[in-house]
C-alpha atoms as a PDB file:
ATOM      1  CA  MET A   1     150.746 119.590  55.352  1.00  0.00           C
ATOM      2  CA  PRO A   2     153.131 121.659  53.099  1.00  0.00           C
ATOM      3  CA  ALA A   3     156.103 123.371  54.621  1.00  0.00           C
ATOM      4  CA  PRO A   4     154.857 126.859  55.828  1.00  0.00           C
ATOM      5  CA  ILE A   5     155.879 129.975  53.839  1.00  0.00           C
ATOM      6  CA  VAL A   6     156.881 133.073  55.569  1.00  0.00           C
ATOM      7  CA  ALA A   7     157.494 136.437  54.262  1.00  0.00           C
ATOM      8  CA  VAL A   8     159.413 139.457  55.632  1.00  0.00           C
ATOM      9  CA  CYS A   9     158.185 142.880  54.837  1.00  0.00           C
ATOM     10  CA  GLN A  10     160.585 145.803  54.976  1.00  0.00           C
ATOM     11  CA  PHE A  11     158.896 148.992  54.857  1.00  0.00           C
ATOM     12  CA  ALA A  12     159.091 152.612  56.546  1.00  0.00           C
ATOM     13  CA  PRO A  13     156.219 153.304  58.686  1.00  0.00           C
ATOM     14  CA  ASP A  14     155.703 157.038  59.287  1.00  0.00           C
ATOM     15  CA  ALA A  15     153.430 159.341  61.304  1.00  0.00           C
ATOM     16  CA  SER A  16     150.479 158.510  59.375  1.00  0.00           C
ATOM     17  CA  PRO A  17     148.364 155.470  60.720  1.00  0.00           C
ATOM     18  CA  GLU A  18     146.273 155.628  57.377  1.00  0.00           C
ATOM     19  CA  ARG A  19     149.368 155.693  55.133  1.00  0.00           C
ATOM     20  CA  ASN A  20     150.685 152.846  57.094  1.00  0.00           C
ATOM     21  CA  ARG A  21     147.678 150.774  56.837  1.00  0.00           C
ATOM     22  CA  ALA A  22     147.351 151.324  53.226  1.00  0.00           C
ATOM     23  CA  ARG A  23     150.927 150.266  52.614  1.00  0.00           C
ATOM     24  CA  ILE A  24     150.770 147.125  54.785  1.00  0.00           C
ATOM     25  CA  SER A  25     147.636 146.170  52.691  1.00  0.00           C
ATOM     26  CA  GLU A  26     149.733 146.115  49.495  1.00  0.00           C
ATOM     27  CA  LEU A  27     152.794 144.362  51.242  1.00  0.00           C
ATOM     28  CA  VAL A  28     150.404 141.601  52.603  1.00  0.00           C
ATOM     29  CA  ALA A  29     148.621 141.263  49.156  1.00  0.00           C
ATOM     30  CA  GLY A  30     151.933 141.028  47.499  1.00  0.00           C
ATOM     31  CA  ALA A  31     153.057 138.233  49.925  1.00  0.00           C
ATOM     32  CA  ALA A  32     149.884 136.308  49.777  1.00  0.00           C
ATOM     33  CA  GLU A  33     150.343 136.139  45.918  1.00  0.00           C
ATOM     34  CA  ARG A  34     153.832 134.540  46.626  1.00  0.00           C
ATOM     35  CA  GLY A  35     152.152 131.837  48.820  1.00  0.00           C
ATOM     36  CA  ALA A  36     152.766 133.269  52.220  1.00  0.00           C
ATOM     37  CA  ASP A  37     151.082 131.516  55.300  1.00  0.00           C
ATOM     38  CA  VAL A  38     152.832 134.063  57.898  1.00  0.00           C
ATOM     39  CA  VAL A  39     153.708 137.723  56.980  1.00  0.00           C
ATOM     40  CA  VAL A  40     155.949 139.503  59.228  1.00  0.00           C
ATOM     41  CA  LEU A  41     156.082 143.655  59.449  1.00  0.00           C
ATOM     42  CA  PRO A  42     158.398 145.727  61.295  1.00  0.00           C
ATOM     43  CA  GLU A  43     158.221 147.287  64.785  1.00  0.00           C
ATOM     44  CA  TYR A  44     156.017 150.478  64.968  1.00  0.00           C
ATOM     45  CA  SER A  45     154.211 149.453  61.896  1.00  0.00           C
ATOM     46  CA  ASN A  46     151.098 151.479  62.926  1.00  0.00           C
ATOM     47  CA  HIS A  47     152.957 154.918  63.831  1.00  0.00           C
ATOM     48  CA  PHE A  48     156.644 155.884  63.858  1.00  0.00           C
ATOM     49  CA  VAL A  49     158.426 159.115  64.304  1.00  0.00           C
ATOM     50  CA  THR A  50     162.086 159.989  65.050  1.00  0.00           C
ATOM     51  CA  PRO A  51     163.105 161.398  67.359  1.00  0.00           C
ATOM     52  CA  MET A  52     159.944 160.209  69.467  1.00  0.00           C
ATOM     53  CA  ASP A  53     157.611 162.836  70.683  1.00  0.00           C
ATOM     54  CA  ASP A  54     154.013 163.222  71.976  1.00  0.00           C
ATOM     55  CA  SER A  55     152.545 162.029  68.810  1.00  0.00           C
ATOM     56  CA  VAL A  56     153.530 158.413  69.699  1.00  0.00           C
ATOM     57  CA  ALA A  57     151.011 158.315  72.736  1.00  0.00           C
ATOM     58  CA  ALA A  58     148.434 160.238  70.535  1.00  0.00           C
ATOM     59  CA  ASN A  59     148.490 157.668  68.023  1.00  0.00           C
ATOM     60  CA  ALA A  60     148.799 154.545  70.411  1.00  0.00           C
ATOM     61  CA  GLU A  61     145.847 152.015  70.098  1.00  0.00           C
ATOM     62  CA  GLU A  62     144.202 149.635  71.931  1.00  0.00           C
ATOM     63  CA  LEU A  63     144.569 145.755  71.191  1.00  0.00           C
ATOM     64  CA  ASP A  64     141.309 146.155  69.461  1.00  0.00           C
ATOM     65  CA  GLY A  65     141.770 149.110  67.632  1.00  0.00           C
ATOM     66  CA  ALA A  66     141.827 149.903  64.115  1.00  0.00           C
ATOM     67  CA  PHE A  67     145.362 148.582  63.473  1.00  0.00           C
ATOM     68  CA  THR A  68     144.452 145.071  64.569  1.00  0.00           C
ATOM     69  CA  THR A  69     141.040 145.119  63.197  1.00  0.00           C
ATOM     70  CA  GLY A  70     142.579 146.032  59.833  1.00  0.00           C
ATOM     71  CA  LEU A  71     145.293 143.323  60.052  1.00  0.00           C
ATOM     72  CA  ARG A  72     142.466 140.785  61.060  1.00  0.00           C
ATOM     73  CA  ALA A  73     140.349 141.796  57.839  1.00  0.00           C
ATOM     74  CA  LEU A  74     143.692 141.292  55.918  1.00  0.00           C
ATOM     75  CA  ALA A  75     144.384 137.779  57.370  1.00  0.00           C
ATOM     76  CA  ALA A  76     141.004 136.788  56.511  1.00  0.00           C
ATOM     77  CA  GLU A  77     141.097 138.031  53.091  1.00  0.00           C
ATOM     78  CA  HIS A  78     144.405 136.336  52.260  1.00  0.00           C
ATOM     79  CA  ASP A  79     144.050 133.350  54.547  1.00  0.00           C
ATOM     80  CA  LEU A  80     147.291 133.825  56.651  1.00  0.00           C
ATOM     81  CA  VAL A  81     148.548 135.080  59.888  1.00  0.00           C
ATOM     82  CA  ILE A  82     150.231 138.639  60.038  1.00  0.00           C
ATOM     83  CA  VAL A  83     152.764 139.623  62.809  1.00  0.00           C
ATOM     84  CA  ALA A  84     153.401 143.295  63.196  1.00  0.00           C
ATOM     85  CA  GLY A  85     154.908 145.710  65.815  1.00  0.00           C
ATOM     86  CA  MET A  86     152.589 148.538  67.039  1.00  0.00           C
ATOM     87  CA  VAL A  87     152.324 150.978  69.485  1.00  0.00           C
ATOM     88  CA  GLU A  88     149.767 150.346  72.137  1.00  0.00           C
ATOM     89  CA  LYS A  89     147.988 152.422  74.657  1.00  0.00           C
ATOM     90  CA  ALA A  90     149.347 152.286  78.351  1.00  0.00           C
ATOM     91  CA  ASP A  91     149.012 154.422  81.358  1.00  0.00           C
ATOM     92  CA  ALA A  92     150.666 157.515  82.820  1.00  0.00           C
ATOM     93  CA  GLY A  93     151.469 159.038  79.414  1.00  0.00           C
ATOM     94  CA  ARG A  94     153.725 156.172  78.186  1.00  0.00           C
ATOM     95  CA  VAL A  95     152.844 153.638  75.514  1.00  0.00           C
ATOM     96  CA  ARG A  96     153.870 149.978  75.215  1.00  0.00           C
ATOM     97  CA  ASN A  97     155.889 148.577  71.938  1.00  0.00           C
ATOM     98  CA  THR A  98     153.972 145.640  71.345  1.00  0.00           C
ATOM     99  CA  VAL A  99     154.010 142.741  68.726  1.00  0.00           C
ATOM    100  CA  VAL A 100     150.753 140.972  67.886  1.00  0.00           C
ATOM    101  CA  ALA A 101     150.089 137.863  65.674  1.00  0.00           C
ATOM    102  CA  VAL A 102     146.733 138.083  64.155  1.00  0.00           C
ATOM    103  CA  SER A 103     144.659 135.678  62.290  1.00  0.00           C
ATOM    104  CA  ASP A 104     141.132 135.779  60.805  1.00  0.00           C
ATOM    105  CA  ALA A 105     140.067 134.565  64.461  1.00  0.00           C
ATOM    106  CA  GLY A 106     141.506 137.734  66.136  1.00  0.00           C
ATOM    107  CA  VAL A 107     144.772 138.317  68.016  1.00  0.00           C
ATOM    108  CA  GLN A 108     146.726 134.890  68.701  1.00  0.00           C
ATOM    109  CA  ALA A 109     149.512 136.152  70.669  1.00  0.00           C
ATOM    110  CA  VAL A 110     150.739 139.519  72.138  1.00  0.00           C
ATOM    111  CA  TYR A 111     154.385 140.353  73.220  1.00  0.00           C
ATOM    112  CA  ARG A 112     155.322 143.515  74.818  1.00  0.00           C
ATOM    113  CA  LYS A 113     158.944 144.604  74.637  1.00  0.00           C
ATOM    114  CA  GLN A 114     160.965 143.657  77.677  1.00  0.00           C
ATOM    115  CA  HIS A 115     164.345 145.457  77.019  1.00  0.00           C
ATOM    116  CA  LEU A 116     163.805 148.981  76.048  1.00  0.00           C
ATOM    117  CA  TYR A 117     166.332 150.678  73.910  1.00  0.00           C
ATOM    118  CA  ASP A 118     168.268 152.938  76.439  1.00  0.00           C
ATOM    119  CA  ALA A 119     171.696 152.648  74.441  1.00  0.00           C
ATOM    120  CA  PHE A 120     173.503 154.176  71.617  1.00  0.00           C
ATOM    121  CA  GLY A 121     172.354 157.730  72.417  1.00  0.00           C
ATOM    122  CA  GLN A 122     168.661 156.604  72.554  1.00  0.00           C
ATOM    123  CA  ARG A 123     166.210 156.662  75.665  1.00  0.00           C
ATOM    124  CA  GLU A 124     163.155 154.564  74.478  1.00  0.00           C
ATOM    125  CA  SER A 125     162.200 154.214  78.246  1.00  0.00           C
ATOM    126  CA  ASP A 126     161.299 157.982  78.150  1.00  0.00           C
ATOM    127  CA  TRP A 127     158.309 157.040  76.100  1.00  0.00           C
ATOM    128  CA  ILE A 128     157.763 153.206  76.432  1.00  0.00           C
ATOM    129  CA  GLU A 129     156.611 150.963  79.452  1.00  0.00           C
ATOM    130  CA  PRO A 130     158.519 147.804  79.477  1.00  0.00           C
ATOM    131  CA  GLY A 131     156.486 144.646  79.156  1.00  0.00           C
ATOM    132  CA  GLU A 132     156.010 142.528  82.085  1.00  0.00           C
ATOM    133  CA  LEU A 133     157.988 139.105  82.475  1.00  0.00           C
ATOM    134  CA  GLY A 134     156.213 136.012  82.254  1.00  0.00           C
ATOM    135  CA  ALA A 135     154.972 133.320  79.786  1.00  0.00           C
ATOM    136  CA  ALA A 136     156.461 133.092  76.331  1.00  0.00           C
ATOM    137  CA  ALA A 137     154.384 134.693  73.510  1.00  0.00           C
ATOM    138  CA  VAL A 138     153.975 131.892  70.933  1.00  0.00           C
ATOM    139  CA  PHE A 139     151.410 130.904  68.420  1.00  0.00           C
ATOM    140  CA  GLU A 140     150.957 127.803  66.114  1.00  0.00           C
ATOM    141  CA  THR A 141     150.199 127.650  62.389  1.00  0.00           C
ATOM    142  CA  SER A 142     150.909 125.254  59.504  1.00  0.00           C
ATOM    143  CA  ASP A 143     152.021 122.777  62.195  1.00  0.00           C
ATOM    144  CA  MET A 144     154.867 124.997  63.316  1.00  0.00           C
ATOM    145  CA  ARG A 145     155.237 127.124  66.697  1.00  0.00           C
ATOM    146  CA  PHE A 146     156.466 130.553  66.477  1.00  0.00           C
ATOM    147  CA  GLY A 147     157.719 132.788  69.268  1.00  0.00           C
ATOM    148  CA  LEU A 148     157.690 136.722  69.276  1.00  0.00           C
ATOM    149  CA  MET A 149     160.315 139.072  70.499  1.00  0.00           C
ATOM    150  CA  THR A 150     161.337 142.526  69.056  1.00  0.00           C
ATOM    151  CA  CYS A 151     164.471 144.588  68.302  1.00  0.00           C
ATOM    152  CA  TYR A 152     166.631 145.387  71.212  1.00  0.00           C
ATOM    153  CA  ASP A 153     165.611 141.861  72.741  1.00  0.00           C
ATOM    154  CA  LEU A 154     167.934 140.637  70.216  1.00  0.00           C
ATOM    155  CA  ARG A 155     170.866 141.599  72.383  1.00  0.00           C
ATOM    156  CA  PHE A 156     169.550 139.424  75.195  1.00  0.00           C
ATOM    157  CA  PRO A 157     169.723 135.755  74.417  1.00  0.00           C
ATOM    158  CA  GLU A 158     167.677 134.962  77.338  1.00  0.00           C
ATOM    159  CA  VAL A 159     164.555 136.207  75.446  1.00  0.00           C
ATOM    160  CA  ALA A 160     165.041 133.789  72.654  1.00  0.00           C
ATOM    161  CA  ARG A 161     165.675 131.071  74.887  1.00  0.00           C
ATOM    162  CA  THR A 162     162.483 131.354  76.721  1.00  0.00           C
ATOM    163  CA  LEU A 163     160.799 130.958  73.355  1.00  0.00           C
ATOM    164  CA  ALA A 164     163.004 127.896  72.597  1.00  0.00           C
ATOM    165  CA  ASP A 165     161.890 126.468  75.983  1.00  0.00           C
ATOM    166  CA  ALA A 166     158.345 127.114  74.923  1.00  0.00           C
ATOM    167  CA  GLY A 167     158.689 124.863  72.059  1.00  0.00           C
ATOM    168  CA  ALA A 168     159.225 127.639  69.318  1.00  0.00           C
ATOM    169  CA  ASP A 169     160.325 126.468  65.846  1.00  0.00           C
ATOM    170  CA  ALA A 170     160.846 129.823  64.564  1.00  0.00           C
ATOM    171  CA  LEU A 171     161.658 133.104  66.257  1.00  0.00           C
ATOM    172  CA  ILE A 172     160.077 136.379  64.869  1.00  0.00           C
ATOM    173  CA  VAL A 173     161.778 139.660  65.320  1.00  0.00           C
ATOM    174  CA  PRO A 174     159.883 142.810  64.129  1.00  0.00           C
ATOM    175  CA  ALA A 175     162.562 145.564  64.294  1.00  0.00           C
ATOM    176  CA  GLU A 176     163.593 149.104  64.018  1.00  0.00           C
ATOM    177  CA  TRP A 177     167.324 148.450  64.192  1.00  0.00           C
ATOM    178  CA  VAL A 178     168.703 152.041  64.064  1.00  0.00           C
ATOM    179  CA  ARG A 179     171.719 152.682  61.622  1.00  0.00           C
ATOM    180  CA  GLY A 180     174.901 153.600  63.516  1.00  0.00           C
ATOM    181  CA  PRO A 181     178.668 152.424  63.618  1.00  0.00           C
ATOM    182  CA  LEU A 182     178.794 148.504  63.136  1.00  0.00           C
ATOM    183  CA  LYS A 183     174.904 148.250  63.769  1.00  0.00           C
ATOM    184  CA  GLU A 184     174.680 146.306  60.411  1.00  0.00           C
ATOM    185  CA  HIS A 185     177.295 143.811  61.650  1.00  0.00           C
ATOM    186  CA  HIS A 186     175.538 143.464  65.069  1.00  0.00           C
ATOM    187  CA  TRP A 187     172.242 143.089  63.594  1.00  0.00           C
ATOM    188  CA  ASN A 188     173.323 140.208  61.119  1.00  0.00           C
ATOM    189  CA  THR A 189     175.699 138.463  63.599  1.00  0.00           C
ATOM    190  CA  LEU A 190     172.907 138.384  66.594  1.00  0.00           C
ATOM    191  CA  LEU A 191     170.049 137.212  64.085  1.00  0.00           C
ATOM    192  CA  ALA A 192     172.550 134.233  62.979  1.00  0.00           C
ATOM    193  CA  ALA A 193     173.630 133.591  66.684  1.00  0.00           C
ATOM    194  CA  ARG A 194     169.890 133.377  67.892  1.00  0.00           C
ATOM    195  CA  ALA A 195     169.313 130.816  65.177  1.00  0.00           C
ATOM    196  CA  ILE A 196     172.310 128.811  65.873  1.00  0.00           C
ATOM    197  CA  GLU A 197     172.088 128.532  69.678  1.00  0.00           C
ATOM    198  CA  ASN A 198     168.471 127.730  69.593  1.00  0.00           C
ATOM    199  CA  THR A 199     168.521 125.410  66.499  1.00  0.00           C
ATOM    200  CA  ALA A 200     165.374 127.453  65.096  1.00  0.00           C
ATOM    201  CA  TYR A 201     164.624 129.507  62.226  1.00  0.00           C
ATOM    202  CA  VAL A 202     164.614 133.430  62.880  1.00  0.00           C
ATOM    203  CA  ILE A 203     162.320 135.625  60.782  1.00  0.00           C
ATOM    204  CA  ALA A 204     163.362 139.330  61.098  1.00  0.00           C
ATOM    205  CA  ALA A 205     161.700 142.316  59.553  1.00  0.00           C
ATOM    206  CA  ASP A 206     163.164 145.890  59.864  1.00  0.00           C
ATOM    207  CA  HIS A 207     162.787 149.402  58.604  1.00  0.00           C
ATOM    208  CA  PRO A 208     164.783 150.383  55.636  1.00  0.00           C
ATOM    209  CA  GLY A 209     167.160 153.252  55.644  1.00  0.00           C
ATOM    210  CA  PRO A 210     168.081 156.083  56.124  1.00  0.00           C
ATOM    211  CA  VAL A 211     166.687 155.093  59.787  1.00  0.00           C
ATOM    212  CA  GLY A 212     166.974 151.419  60.001  1.00  0.00           C
ATOM    213  CA  VAL A 213     169.565 149.202  58.611  1.00  0.00           C
ATOM    214  CA  GLY A 214     167.198 147.166  56.516  1.00  0.00           C
ATOM    215  CA  PHE A 215     168.537 143.625  55.731  1.00  0.00           C
ATOM    216  CA  SER A 216     165.160 141.894  56.739  1.00  0.00           C
ATOM    217  CA  GLN A 217     165.910 138.162  56.563  1.00  0.00           C
ATOM    218  CA  VAL A 218     164.992 134.352  57.010  1.00  0.00           C
ATOM    219  CA  ILE A 219     167.723 132.240  58.642  1.00  0.00           C
ATOM    220  CA  ASP A 220     167.504 128.737  59.116  1.00  0.00           C
ATOM    221  CA  PRO A 221     168.577 126.628  62.309  1.00  0.00           C
ATOM    222  CA  GLN A 222     172.217 126.366  61.219  1.00  0.00           C
ATOM    223  CA  GLY A 223     172.529 129.927  60.727  1.00  0.00           C
ATOM    224  CA  VAL A 224     172.174 130.358  56.955  1.00  0.00           C
ATOM    225  CA  VAL A 225     170.343 133.370  55.434  1.00  0.00           C
ATOM    226  CA  VAL A 226     167.742 131.635  53.090  1.00  0.00           C
ATOM    227  CA  ALA A 227     165.920 134.919  52.054  1.00  0.00           C
ATOM    228  CA  GLY A 228     166.361 138.496  52.564  1.00  0.00           C
ATOM    229  CA  VAL A 229     166.034 142.176  51.654  1.00  0.00           C
ATOM    230  CA  SER A 230     168.873 144.615  51.021  1.00  0.00           C
ATOM    231  CA  ALA A 231     168.666 148.374  52.348  1.00  0.00           C
ATOM    232  CA  GLY A 232     165.471 149.543  50.573  1.00  0.00           C
ATOM    233  CA  GLU A 233     161.759 148.594  50.861  1.00  0.00           C
ATOM    234  CA  GLY A 234     160.850 144.927  49.753  1.00  0.00           C
ATOM    235  CA  VAL A 235     159.380 141.336  50.580  1.00  0.00           C
ATOM    236  CA  ALA A 236     161.436 138.297  50.911  1.00  0.00           C
ATOM    237  CA  VAL A 237     159.723 134.955  50.963  1.00  0.00           C
ATOM    238  CA  ALA A 238     161.140 131.468  52.211  1.00  0.00           C
ATOM    239  CA  SER A 239     159.707 128.166  52.802  1.00  0.00           C
ATOM    240  CA  LEU A 240     160.479 126.579  56.438  1.00  0.00           C
ATOM    241  CA  ASP A 241     161.530 123.056  56.643  1.00  0.00           C
ATOM    242  CA  PRO A 242     160.408 121.306  59.874  1.00  0.00           C
ATOM    243  CA  GLY A 243     162.567 118.322  58.774  1.00  0.00           C
ATOM    244  CA  LEU A 244     165.748 120.662  58.816  1.00  0.00           C
ATOM    245  CA  ILE A 245     164.800 121.734  62.211  1.00  0.00           C
ATOM    246  CA  ALA A 246     164.616 118.069  63.549  1.00  0.00           C
ATOM    247  CA  ARG A 247     167.878 117.137  61.754  1.00  0.00           C
ATOM    248  CA  THR A 248     169.818 120.033  63.183  1.00  0.00           C
ATOM    249  CA  ARG A 249     168.602 119.346  66.652  1.00  0.00           C
ATOM    250  CA  GLU A 250     169.561 115.672  66.555  1.00  0.00           C
ATOM    251  CA  THR A 251     172.854 116.532  64.968  1.00  0.00           C
ATOM    252  CA  ASN A 252     173.498 119.433  67.363  1.00  0.00           C
ATOM    253  CA  PRO A 253     171.387 118.745  70.583  1.00  0.00           C
ATOM    254  CA  SER A 254     172.583 122.017  72.282  1.00  0.00           C
ATOM    255  CA  LEU A 255     169.175 122.584  73.819  1.00  0.00           C
ATOM    256  CA  ARG A 256     169.121 119.199  75.783  1.00  0.00           C
ATOM    257  CA  LEU A 257     172.538 119.257  76.639  1.00  0.00           C
ATOM    258  CA  ARG A 258     172.698 122.898  78.393  1.00  0.00           C
ATOM    259  CA  ARG A 259     172.980 122.867  81.896  1.00  0.00           C
ATOM    260  CA  TYR A 260     171.544 126.317  82.937  1.00  0.00           C
ATOM    261  CA  ARG A 261     167.925 127.663  82.772  1.00  0.00           C
ATOM    262  CA  VAL A 262     166.599 131.151  82.155  1.00  0.00           C
ATOM    263  CA  VAL A 263     164.852 132.842  85.223  1.00  0.00           C
ATOM    264  CA  PRO A 264     163.476 136.342  85.572  1.00  0.00           C
ATOM    265  CA  ARG A 265     165.631 138.938  87.172  1.00  0.00           C
END
């Protein structure tokens, strides 16, 4: 089978679910024209406001709601898998920050954000219910295994390591990485670190400025950026090489040589 092609789509979701779905349709169509097998969209792709307010819960959806139904239709139309962050309904007035992988057959994997962004003056936990710890969220397509995580999880290497332990060849990171002092540096450094230490591809899609840092990118198992977007909206496409993963892990067998395992706290 040919090496899978992935696309990262950098766009700015807003408070209108209808506008967001229309923009996603355009982005997915453009990525499909460039041969994408997997298309990655940012965190909060179905609804986003800053600062967060009551509209977040009002616009949260079930996993089988209009957002994922629309993703499934797009996946079927273009014969690919779509990964996107969304606001999912929860109990007690809060919502879940969820990542879904959707194909024409439906939702293939679900990840609910485990580490909430209560940092840099923000309090995501006021609105978001943390995801339960448990099995790694992975799916397979094009003879590769992909693992899901999101945004602030990037600062916790244990999340990525659980995906590597589950056999992930590539780590997908939808994000809304908020701008701030040195935040671009943190984003780029942490993405490369997660790729290098897990000898896996990292595929990250962020919001553009002025809220996000941008710099959506695809990084290879040696930490090299092979495709990316700068600060504005855009799509970057890259071909993943399973042979490079194997060669990297043969040369640098760090996953095999480590002497600690990750356990929930």
